[in-house]
Each structure stands twice: as C-alpha cells, then as structure tokens.
Amino acid sequence: MSHRFILIHPGATGVWAPENTREAIFDAIKRKETVGASSPLIRVRFFGGWDFPENLVNDKDFVKKAYQDGLPMGQDLRKKTSDAPTFAVWALKDPDSGNLDRVQIIKGWYKDDHPWEKVYDVAWSDGREVDANTGKLPPVGNTVDIKNASYTNSIGDSQLMAVWTDPNFDPSQHAVYYARVLEIPTPRWTTFDAKALAIEPPSDVPATIQERA
C-alpha cells in the first residue's frame, strides 16, 4: 500500500499514512511513522533492515521494496544476525524553502550507565569530501544577505538519499537510530523581522539558521 506525507501542523509534525483520514493519521502516530520539522515541509523517509542493497534508494520501487524487506521509521529491528543493520534514508526539500545541506544518522546507546551518541553524515550536497584529518564534512557555505533577509539556492541539493550501514555496530548493544536533515543556511525569523521593521538584527542571537527535519 502506498503512503503519502500528511502535514498535521506546519513546523511541527507530519506522518506517512495511506490516506488523509483521522483513523489513518492516528495509526501512523501509533506506529511512530512521523517526521518533526523546525518549520519547512521537508519530506523524509527512513527504513531499517538487514538486506537492503546499496542501490535501493535509486530504485523506482524504493518505498515498496523498503516496506517489503525492512521496517519504516518508528519500528524495532529485532536482531537477526551479528551483522550490522542497514538503513535507507531519502529526503526532499520544501519547494518554498532552502536547499538541503546534508542528511545525518544519529545513533544513541547506553554504556556504563551513561547515554552516548554519535552523529554520522551519510549524504550531502555539492560534491564535498570529508576531511581526512578531522573526519568532518566541510560546511555547505552561506548565501544569506543579512541586510536584505534573503538567500539563494545556488548551493545545496533539492534531494538527498543514501543506504548506510553502521560501521561501529555492536550486536550485544541496544541502540536507537534516527535521521536528521539539514537545510542550507537561511535568515532567522528575527532577521526577517529586522528587515520588515528597518532596524538592525538583534546581536544576541544568530542572524541565520539551518532549518531541519
């Protein structure tokens, strides 16, 4: 069954559901097949499984096969083997907002009675390369004109996708994974207000922001 993205509240939550009905939306919430966003309508699909091929996200039947061979966001993957699970993630920009900078998968776990997390960049725009010395992905850049509260989509991509396997998987450890999608920098709402009021942007908050889902 195909699912579509249904916005419950702008800048808050959307769900993947087969139809736009109260029953289908509440079922999606119970399944936790949900997306939270800071403001833009960024669409995100995230699946976990054990046998996803590397080219799954390029398949025209990507979503159908991901449901068939894996589980969508919000579900529990039961240990099948000692091999690491594989995750498929896809993100599409809001047509009325900034391009996409990168997709990250965040892993969380407990060790020695303390919570830990690690952030992995798994897909990114503009052909950047991870720094061999630091292991960090360079910033996407910044086109924001603060005075005019504007920006251009001359950097970033409209769509990002990846199939990723945890390189540090420990089969004896319970872990949680979630996807995070970042836009390129855009003016913060205070910068838009400053432009409208013909005043300087406040100095105690950043003039730009990277919206996310």
C-alpha atoms as a PDB file:
ATOM      1  CA  MET A   1       0.000   0.000   0.000  1.00  0.00           C
ATOM      2  CA  SER A   2       1.399   3.402  -0.939  1.00  0.00           C
ATOM      3  CA  HIS A   3       1.751   6.102   1.688  1.00  0.00           C
ATOM      4  CA  ARG A   4       1.695   9.868   1.318  1.00  0.00           C
ATOM      5  CA  PHE A   5       3.057  12.593   3.525  1.00  0.00           C
ATOM      6  CA  ILE A   6       0.330  14.302   5.544  1.00  0.00           C
ATOM      7  CA  LEU A   7       1.133  17.513   7.398  1.00  0.00           C
ATOM      8  CA  ILE A   8      -0.534  17.599  10.799  1.00  0.00           C
ATOM      9  CA  HIS A   9       0.722  21.019  11.875  1.00  0.00           C
ATOM     10  CA  PRO A  10       3.082  23.341   9.980  1.00  0.00           C
ATOM     11  CA  GLY A  11       6.503  23.473  11.576  1.00  0.00           C
ATOM     12  CA  ALA A  12       5.701  20.574  13.879  1.00  0.00           C
ATOM     13  CA  THR A  13       4.752  17.092  12.718  1.00  0.00           C
ATOM     14  CA  GLY A  14       3.873  15.143   9.598  1.00  0.00           C
ATOM     15  CA  VAL A  15       3.059  11.466   9.153  1.00  0.00           C
ATOM     16  CA  TRP A  16       3.284   8.842   6.425  1.00  0.00           C
ATOM     17  CA  ALA A  17      -0.174   7.348   6.018  1.00  0.00           C
ATOM     18  CA  PRO A  18      -2.124   5.610   3.228  1.00  0.00           C
ATOM     19  CA  GLU A  19      -4.910   8.198   3.346  1.00  0.00           C
ATOM     20  CA  ASN A  20      -5.784  11.541   4.873  1.00  0.00           C
ATOM     21  CA  THR A  21      -8.301  10.324   7.455  1.00  0.00           C
ATOM     22  CA  ARG A  22      -8.396  10.610  11.231  1.00  0.00           C
ATOM     23  CA  GLU A  23      -8.008   6.834  11.590  1.00  0.00           C
ATOM     24  CA  ALA A  24      -5.031   6.583   9.215  1.00  0.00           C
ATOM     25  CA  ILE A  25      -3.271   9.558  10.807  1.00  0.00           C
ATOM     26  CA  PHE A  26      -3.679   8.211  14.349  1.00  0.00           C
ATOM     27  CA  ASP A  27      -2.493   4.784  13.187  1.00  0.00           C
ATOM     28  CA  ALA A  28       0.635   6.432  11.747  1.00  0.00           C
ATOM     29  CA  ILE A  29       1.250   8.261  15.028  1.00  0.00           C
ATOM     30  CA  LYS A  30       0.921   4.988  16.941  1.00  0.00           C
ATOM     31  CA  ARG A  31       3.394   3.386  14.520  1.00  0.00           C
ATOM     32  CA  LYS A  32       5.689   6.387  15.095  1.00  0.00           C
ATOM     33  CA  GLU A  33       5.991   6.791  11.338  1.00  0.00           C
ATOM     34  CA  THR A  34       6.315  10.509  11.874  1.00  0.00           C
ATOM     35  CA  VAL A  35       8.536  13.423  10.921  1.00  0.00           C
ATOM     36  CA  GLY A  36       9.198  16.521  13.004  1.00  0.00           C
ATOM     37  CA  ALA A  37      10.461  19.732  11.400  1.00  0.00           C
ATOM     38  CA  SER A  38      11.602  23.107  12.694  1.00  0.00           C
ATOM     39  CA  SER A  39       9.484  24.919  10.103  1.00  0.00           C
ATOM     40  CA  PRO A  40       9.820  23.809   6.448  1.00  0.00           C
ATOM     41  CA  LEU A  41       7.873  20.949   4.910  1.00  0.00           C
ATOM     42  CA  ILE A  42      10.875  18.662   4.394  1.00  0.00           C
ATOM     43  CA  ARG A  43       9.825  15.135   3.443  1.00  0.00           C
ATOM     44  CA  VAL A  44      11.876  12.326   4.972  1.00  0.00           C
ATOM     45  CA  ARG A  45      11.663   8.554   4.567  1.00  0.00           C
ATOM     46  CA  PHE A  46      13.748   6.298   6.794  1.00  0.00           C
ATOM     47  CA  PHE A  47      13.826   2.487   6.755  1.00  0.00           C
ATOM     48  CA  GLY A  48      15.874  -0.139   8.559  1.00  0.00           C
ATOM     49  CA  GLY A  49      16.572  -3.709   7.505  1.00  0.00           C
ATOM     50  CA  TRP A  50      19.161  -6.453   7.177  1.00  0.00           C
ATOM     51  CA  ASP A  51      19.367  -6.991   3.452  1.00  0.00           C
ATOM     52  CA  PHE A  52      18.976  -3.617   1.727  1.00  0.00           C
ATOM     53  CA  PRO A  53      21.062  -3.397  -1.476  1.00  0.00           C
ATOM     54  CA  GLU A  54      23.337  -0.375  -1.875  1.00  0.00           C
ATOM     55  CA  ASN A  55      21.288   0.979  -4.786  1.00  0.00           C
ATOM     56  CA  LEU A  56      17.887   0.635  -3.074  1.00  0.00           C
ATOM     57  CA  VAL A  57      17.220   4.394  -2.890  1.00  0.00           C
ATOM     58  CA  ASN A  58      17.775   4.675  -6.660  1.00  0.00           C
ATOM     59  CA  ASP A  59      15.163   2.026  -7.407  1.00  0.00           C
ATOM     60  CA  LYS A  60      11.874   3.322  -8.806  1.00  0.00           C
ATOM     61  CA  ASP A  61      10.143   0.958  -6.359  1.00  0.00           C
ATOM     62  CA  PHE A  62      12.311   2.077  -3.431  1.00  0.00           C
ATOM     63  CA  VAL A  63       9.493   2.603  -0.936  1.00  0.00           C
ATOM     64  CA  LYS A  64       7.625  -0.571  -1.875  1.00  0.00           C
ATOM     65  CA  LYS A  65      10.763  -2.694  -1.525  1.00  0.00           C
ATOM     66  CA  ALA A  66      11.788  -0.965   1.707  1.00  0.00           C
ATOM     67  CA  TYR A  67       8.432  -1.812   3.295  1.00  0.00           C
ATOM     68  CA  GLN A  68       8.659  -5.319   1.916  1.00  0.00           C
ATOM     69  CA  ASP A  69      12.207  -6.107   3.075  1.00  0.00           C
ATOM     70  CA  GLY A  70      12.547  -3.869   6.121  1.00  0.00           C
ATOM     71  CA  LEU A  71      10.744  -1.663   8.609  1.00  0.00           C
ATOM     72  CA  PRO A  72       9.843   2.045   8.452  1.00  0.00           C
ATOM     73  CA  MET A  73      10.781   4.724  10.973  1.00  0.00           C
ATOM     74  CA  GLY A  74       9.490   4.168  14.480  1.00  0.00           C
ATOM     75  CA  GLN A  75       9.763   0.374  14.468  1.00  0.00           C
ATOM     76  CA  ASP A  76      12.044  -2.041  16.329  1.00  0.00           C
ATOM     77  CA  LEU A  77      14.549  -4.153  14.403  1.00  0.00           C
ATOM     78  CA  ARG A  78      14.963  -7.491  16.109  1.00  0.00           C
ATOM     79  CA  LYS A  79      18.453  -8.965  15.967  1.00  0.00           C
ATOM     80  CA  LYS A  80      18.681 -11.317  13.013  1.00  0.00           C
ATOM     81  CA  THR A  81      22.413 -11.972  12.798  1.00  0.00           C
ATOM     82  CA  SER A  82      25.592 -10.466  14.178  1.00  0.00           C
ATOM     83  CA  ASP A  83      25.782  -8.360  11.024  1.00  0.00           C
ATOM     84  CA  ALA A  84      25.003  -4.646  11.267  1.00  0.00           C
ATOM     85  CA  PRO A  85      21.574  -3.467  10.109  1.00  0.00           C
ATOM     86  CA  THR A  86      21.331  -1.299   7.030  1.00  0.00           C
ATOM     87  CA  PHE A  87      19.378   1.954   6.807  1.00  0.00           C
ATOM     88  CA  ALA A  88      17.867   3.640   3.775  1.00  0.00           C
ATOM     89  CA  VAL A  89      17.118   7.348   4.012  1.00  0.00           C
ATOM     90  CA  TRP A  90      15.628   9.785   1.497  1.00  0.00           C
ATOM     91  CA  ALA A  91      14.894  13.493   1.886  1.00  0.00           C
ATOM     92  CA  LEU A  92      13.182  16.052  -0.361  1.00  0.00           C
ATOM     93  CA  LYS A  93      13.334  19.801   0.202  1.00  0.00           C
ATOM     94  CA  ASP A  94      10.388  22.066   0.819  1.00  0.00           C
ATOM     95  CA  PRO A  95       9.795  23.757  -2.573  1.00  0.00           C
ATOM     96  CA  ASP A  96       9.345  27.087  -0.787  1.00  0.00           C
ATOM     97  CA  SER A  97      12.449  26.868   1.388  1.00  0.00           C
ATOM     98  CA  GLY A  98      16.198  26.322   1.248  1.00  0.00           C
ATOM     99  CA  ASN A  99      18.022  23.504  -0.497  1.00  0.00           C
ATOM    100  CA  LEU A 100      19.341  20.589   1.548  1.00  0.00           C
ATOM    101  CA  ASP A 101      22.826  20.615   3.051  1.00  0.00           C
ATOM    102  CA  ARG A 102      23.161  17.067   4.388  1.00  0.00           C
ATOM    103  CA  VAL A 103      21.476  14.020   5.885  1.00  0.00           C
ATOM    104  CA  GLN A 104      22.768  12.647   9.163  1.00  0.00           C
ATOM    105  CA  ILE A 105      22.004   9.483  11.077  1.00  0.00           C
ATOM    106  CA  ILE A 106      22.324   9.820  14.817  1.00  0.00           C
ATOM    107  CA  LYS A 107      22.991   6.713  16.890  1.00  0.00           C
ATOM    108  CA  GLY A 108      22.242   6.618  20.602  1.00  0.00           C
ATOM    109  CA  TRP A 109      23.074   3.928  23.149  1.00  0.00           C
ATOM    110  CA  TYR A 110      23.813   3.293  26.823  1.00  0.00           C
ATOM    111  CA  LYS A 111      27.222   2.220  28.093  1.00  0.00           C
ATOM    112  CA  ASP A 112      28.414   2.068  31.697  1.00  0.00           C
ATOM    113  CA  ASP A 113      25.073   3.553  32.788  1.00  0.00           C
ATOM    114  CA  HIS A 114      25.585   6.653  30.690  1.00  0.00           C
ATOM    115  CA  PRO A 115      23.916   7.739  27.425  1.00  0.00           C
ATOM    116  CA  TRP A 116      26.135   8.155  24.392  1.00  0.00           C
ATOM    117  CA  GLU A 117      25.547   9.348  20.857  1.00  0.00           C
ATOM    118  CA  LYS A 118      27.410   9.642  17.589  1.00  0.00           C
ATOM    119  CA  VAL A 119      26.458  11.657  14.508  1.00  0.00           C
ATOM    120  CA  TYR A 120      27.202  10.251  11.054  1.00  0.00           C
ATOM    121  CA  ASP A 121      26.986  12.329   7.877  1.00  0.00           C
ATOM    122  CA  VAL A 122      25.576   9.885   5.319  1.00  0.00           C
ATOM    123  CA  ALA A 123      24.556  12.057   2.339  1.00  0.00           C
ATOM    124  CA  TRP A 124      25.456  15.610   1.373  1.00  0.00           C
ATOM    125  CA  SER A 125      25.326  18.139  -1.407  1.00  0.00           C
ATOM    126  CA  ASP A 126      27.815  19.821  -3.714  1.00  0.00           C
ATOM    127  CA  GLY A 127      30.390  17.043  -4.003  1.00  0.00           C
ATOM    128  CA  ARG A 128      32.154  17.880  -0.748  1.00  0.00           C
ATOM    129  CA  GLU A 129      34.673  15.457   0.718  1.00  0.00           C
ATOM    130  CA  VAL A 130      35.139  14.514   4.353  1.00  0.00           C
ATOM    131  CA  ASP A 131      38.369  15.947   5.788  1.00  0.00           C
ATOM    132  CA  ALA A 132      40.840  13.077   6.113  1.00  0.00           C
ATOM    133  CA  ASN A 133      42.412  14.575   9.237  1.00  0.00           C
ATOM    134  CA  THR A 134      39.345  15.614  11.207  1.00  0.00           C
ATOM    135  CA  GLY A 135      36.748  13.226   9.791  1.00  0.00           C
ATOM    136  CA  LYS A 136      34.411  16.223   9.469  1.00  0.00           C
ATOM    137  CA  LEU A 137      32.357  17.289   6.478  1.00  0.00           C
ATOM    138  CA  PRO A 138      33.044  20.929   5.474  1.00  0.00           C
ATOM    139  CA  PRO A 139      30.185  23.437   5.805  1.00  0.00           C
ATOM    140  CA  VAL A 140      27.946  23.788   2.773  1.00  0.00           C
ATOM    141  CA  GLY A 141      28.537  27.545   2.560  1.00  0.00           C
ATOM    142  CA  ASN A 142      26.276  30.515   3.198  1.00  0.00           C
ATOM    143  CA  THR A 143      24.433  32.697   0.679  1.00  0.00           C
ATOM    144  CA  VAL A 144      22.440  34.745   3.211  1.00  0.00           C
ATOM    145  CA  ASP A 145      22.270  38.505   2.680  1.00  0.00           C
ATOM    146  CA  ILE A 146      21.513  39.630   6.228  1.00  0.00           C
ATOM    147  CA  LYS A 147      20.674  43.225   5.355  1.00  0.00           C
ATOM    148  CA  ASN A 148      18.050  42.147   2.835  1.00  0.00           C
ATOM    149  CA  ALA A 149      16.999  38.980   4.731  1.00  0.00           C
ATOM    150  CA  SER A 150      17.453  36.906   1.585  1.00  0.00           C
ATOM    151  CA  TYR A 151      19.373  33.906   0.312  1.00  0.00           C
ATOM    152  CA  THR A 152      19.848  31.954  -2.897  1.00  0.00           C
ATOM    153  CA  ASN A 153      19.529  28.245  -3.615  1.00  0.00           C
ATOM    154  CA  SER A 154      22.791  28.262  -5.561  1.00  0.00           C
ATOM    155  CA  ILE A 155      24.225  25.754  -3.068  1.00  0.00           C
ATOM    156  CA  GLY A 156      22.774  22.536  -1.690  1.00  0.00           C
ATOM    157  CA  ASP A 157      20.560  19.967  -3.410  1.00  0.00           C
ATOM    158  CA  SER A 158      16.826  19.506  -3.722  1.00  0.00           C
ATOM    159  CA  GLN A 159      17.029  15.816  -2.838  1.00  0.00           C
ATOM    160  CA  LEU A 160      19.451  13.624  -0.893  1.00  0.00           C
ATOM    161  CA  MET A 161      19.469   9.868  -0.321  1.00  0.00           C
ATOM    162  CA  ALA A 162      21.709   7.096   0.948  1.00  0.00           C
ATOM    163  CA  VAL A 163      21.928   3.493   2.067  1.00  0.00           C
ATOM    164  CA  TRP A 164      24.131   3.292   5.150  1.00  0.00           C
ATOM    165  CA  THR A 165      25.452   0.605   7.480  1.00  0.00           C
ATOM    166  CA  ASP A 166      26.691   1.353  10.991  1.00  0.00           C
ATOM    167  CA  PRO A 167      30.495   0.885  10.883  1.00  0.00           C
ATOM    168  CA  ASN A 168      30.637   0.574  14.687  1.00  0.00           C
ATOM    169  CA  PHE A 169      27.784  -1.857  15.213  1.00  0.00           C
ATOM    170  CA  ASP A 170      27.882  -3.958  18.379  1.00  0.00           C
ATOM    171  CA  PRO A 171      25.330  -6.828  18.273  1.00  0.00           C
ATOM    172  CA  SER A 172      25.338  -7.073  22.077  1.00  0.00           C
ATOM    173  CA  GLN A 173      24.207  -3.487  22.482  1.00  0.00           C
ATOM    174  CA  HIS A 174      20.749  -1.955  22.235  1.00  0.00           C
ATOM    175  CA  ALA A 175      20.826   1.197  20.100  1.00  0.00           C
ATOM    176  CA  VAL A 176      18.460   3.734  18.585  1.00  0.00           C
ATOM    177  CA  TYR A 177      18.918   5.467  15.236  1.00  0.00           C
ATOM    178  CA  TYR A 178      17.177   8.480  13.762  1.00  0.00           C
ATOM    179  CA  ALA A 179      17.674  10.588  10.655  1.00  0.00           C
ATOM    180  CA  ARG A 180      18.249  14.344  10.645  1.00  0.00           C
ATOM    181  CA  VAL A 181      18.086  16.522   7.544  1.00  0.00           C
ATOM    182  CA  LEU A 182      19.666  19.986   7.468  1.00  0.00           C
ATOM    183  CA  GLU A 183      18.923  22.818   5.065  1.00  0.00           C
ATOM    184  CA  ILE A 184      21.478  25.306   3.856  1.00  0.00           C
ATOM    185  CA  PRO A 185      21.665  28.491   5.994  1.00  0.00           C
ATOM    186  CA  THR A 186      18.678  30.829   5.643  1.00  0.00           C
ATOM    187  CA  PRO A 187      17.712  34.025   7.512  1.00  0.00           C
ATOM    188  CA  ARG A 188      16.432  33.523  11.054  1.00  0.00           C
ATOM    189  CA  TRP A 189      12.952  34.895  11.728  1.00  0.00           C
ATOM    190  CA  THR A 190      14.489  37.776  13.701  1.00  0.00           C
ATOM    191  CA  THR A 191      16.406  38.765  10.569  1.00  0.00           C
ATOM    192  CA  PHE A 192      13.193  38.837   8.536  1.00  0.00           C
ATOM    193  CA  ASP A 193      11.575  40.975  11.262  1.00  0.00           C
ATOM    194  CA  ALA A 194      14.532  43.375  11.305  1.00  0.00           C
ATOM    195  CA  LYS A 195      14.253  43.844   7.545  1.00  0.00           C
ATOM    196  CA  ALA A 196      10.499  44.477   7.774  1.00  0.00           C
ATOM    197  CA  LEU A 197      10.994  46.995  10.604  1.00  0.00           C
ATOM    198  CA  ALA A 198      14.055  48.621   9.001  1.00  0.00           C
ATOM    199  CA  ILE A 199      16.200  48.003  12.083  1.00  0.00           C
ATOM    200  CA  GLU A 200      19.417  46.114  12.771  1.00  0.00           C
ATOM    201  CA  PRO A 201      19.038  42.395  13.557  1.00  0.00           C
ATOM    202  CA  PRO A 202      19.463  41.605  17.269  1.00  0.00           C
ATOM    203  CA  SER A 203      23.044  40.892  18.258  1.00  0.00           C
ATOM    204  CA  ASP A 204      22.260  38.299  20.928  1.00  0.00           C
ATOM    205  CA  VAL A 205      21.007  35.615  18.509  1.00  0.00           C
ATOM    206  CA  PRO A 206      22.409  34.290  15.199  1.00  0.00           C
ATOM    207  CA  ALA A 207      21.235  36.079  12.074  1.00  0.00           C
ATOM    208  CA  THR A 208      20.972  32.794  10.168  1.00  0.00           C
ATOM    209  CA  ILE A 209      19.667  29.319  10.903  1.00  0.00           C
ATOM    210  CA  GLN A 210      19.758  25.863   9.351  1.00  0.00           C
ATOM    211  CA  GLU A 211      16.193  24.590   9.399  1.00  0.00           C
ATOM    212  CA  ARG A 212      15.868  20.847   9.819  1.00  0.00           C
ATOM    213  CA  ALA A 213      13.664  17.767   9.975  1.00  0.00           C
END
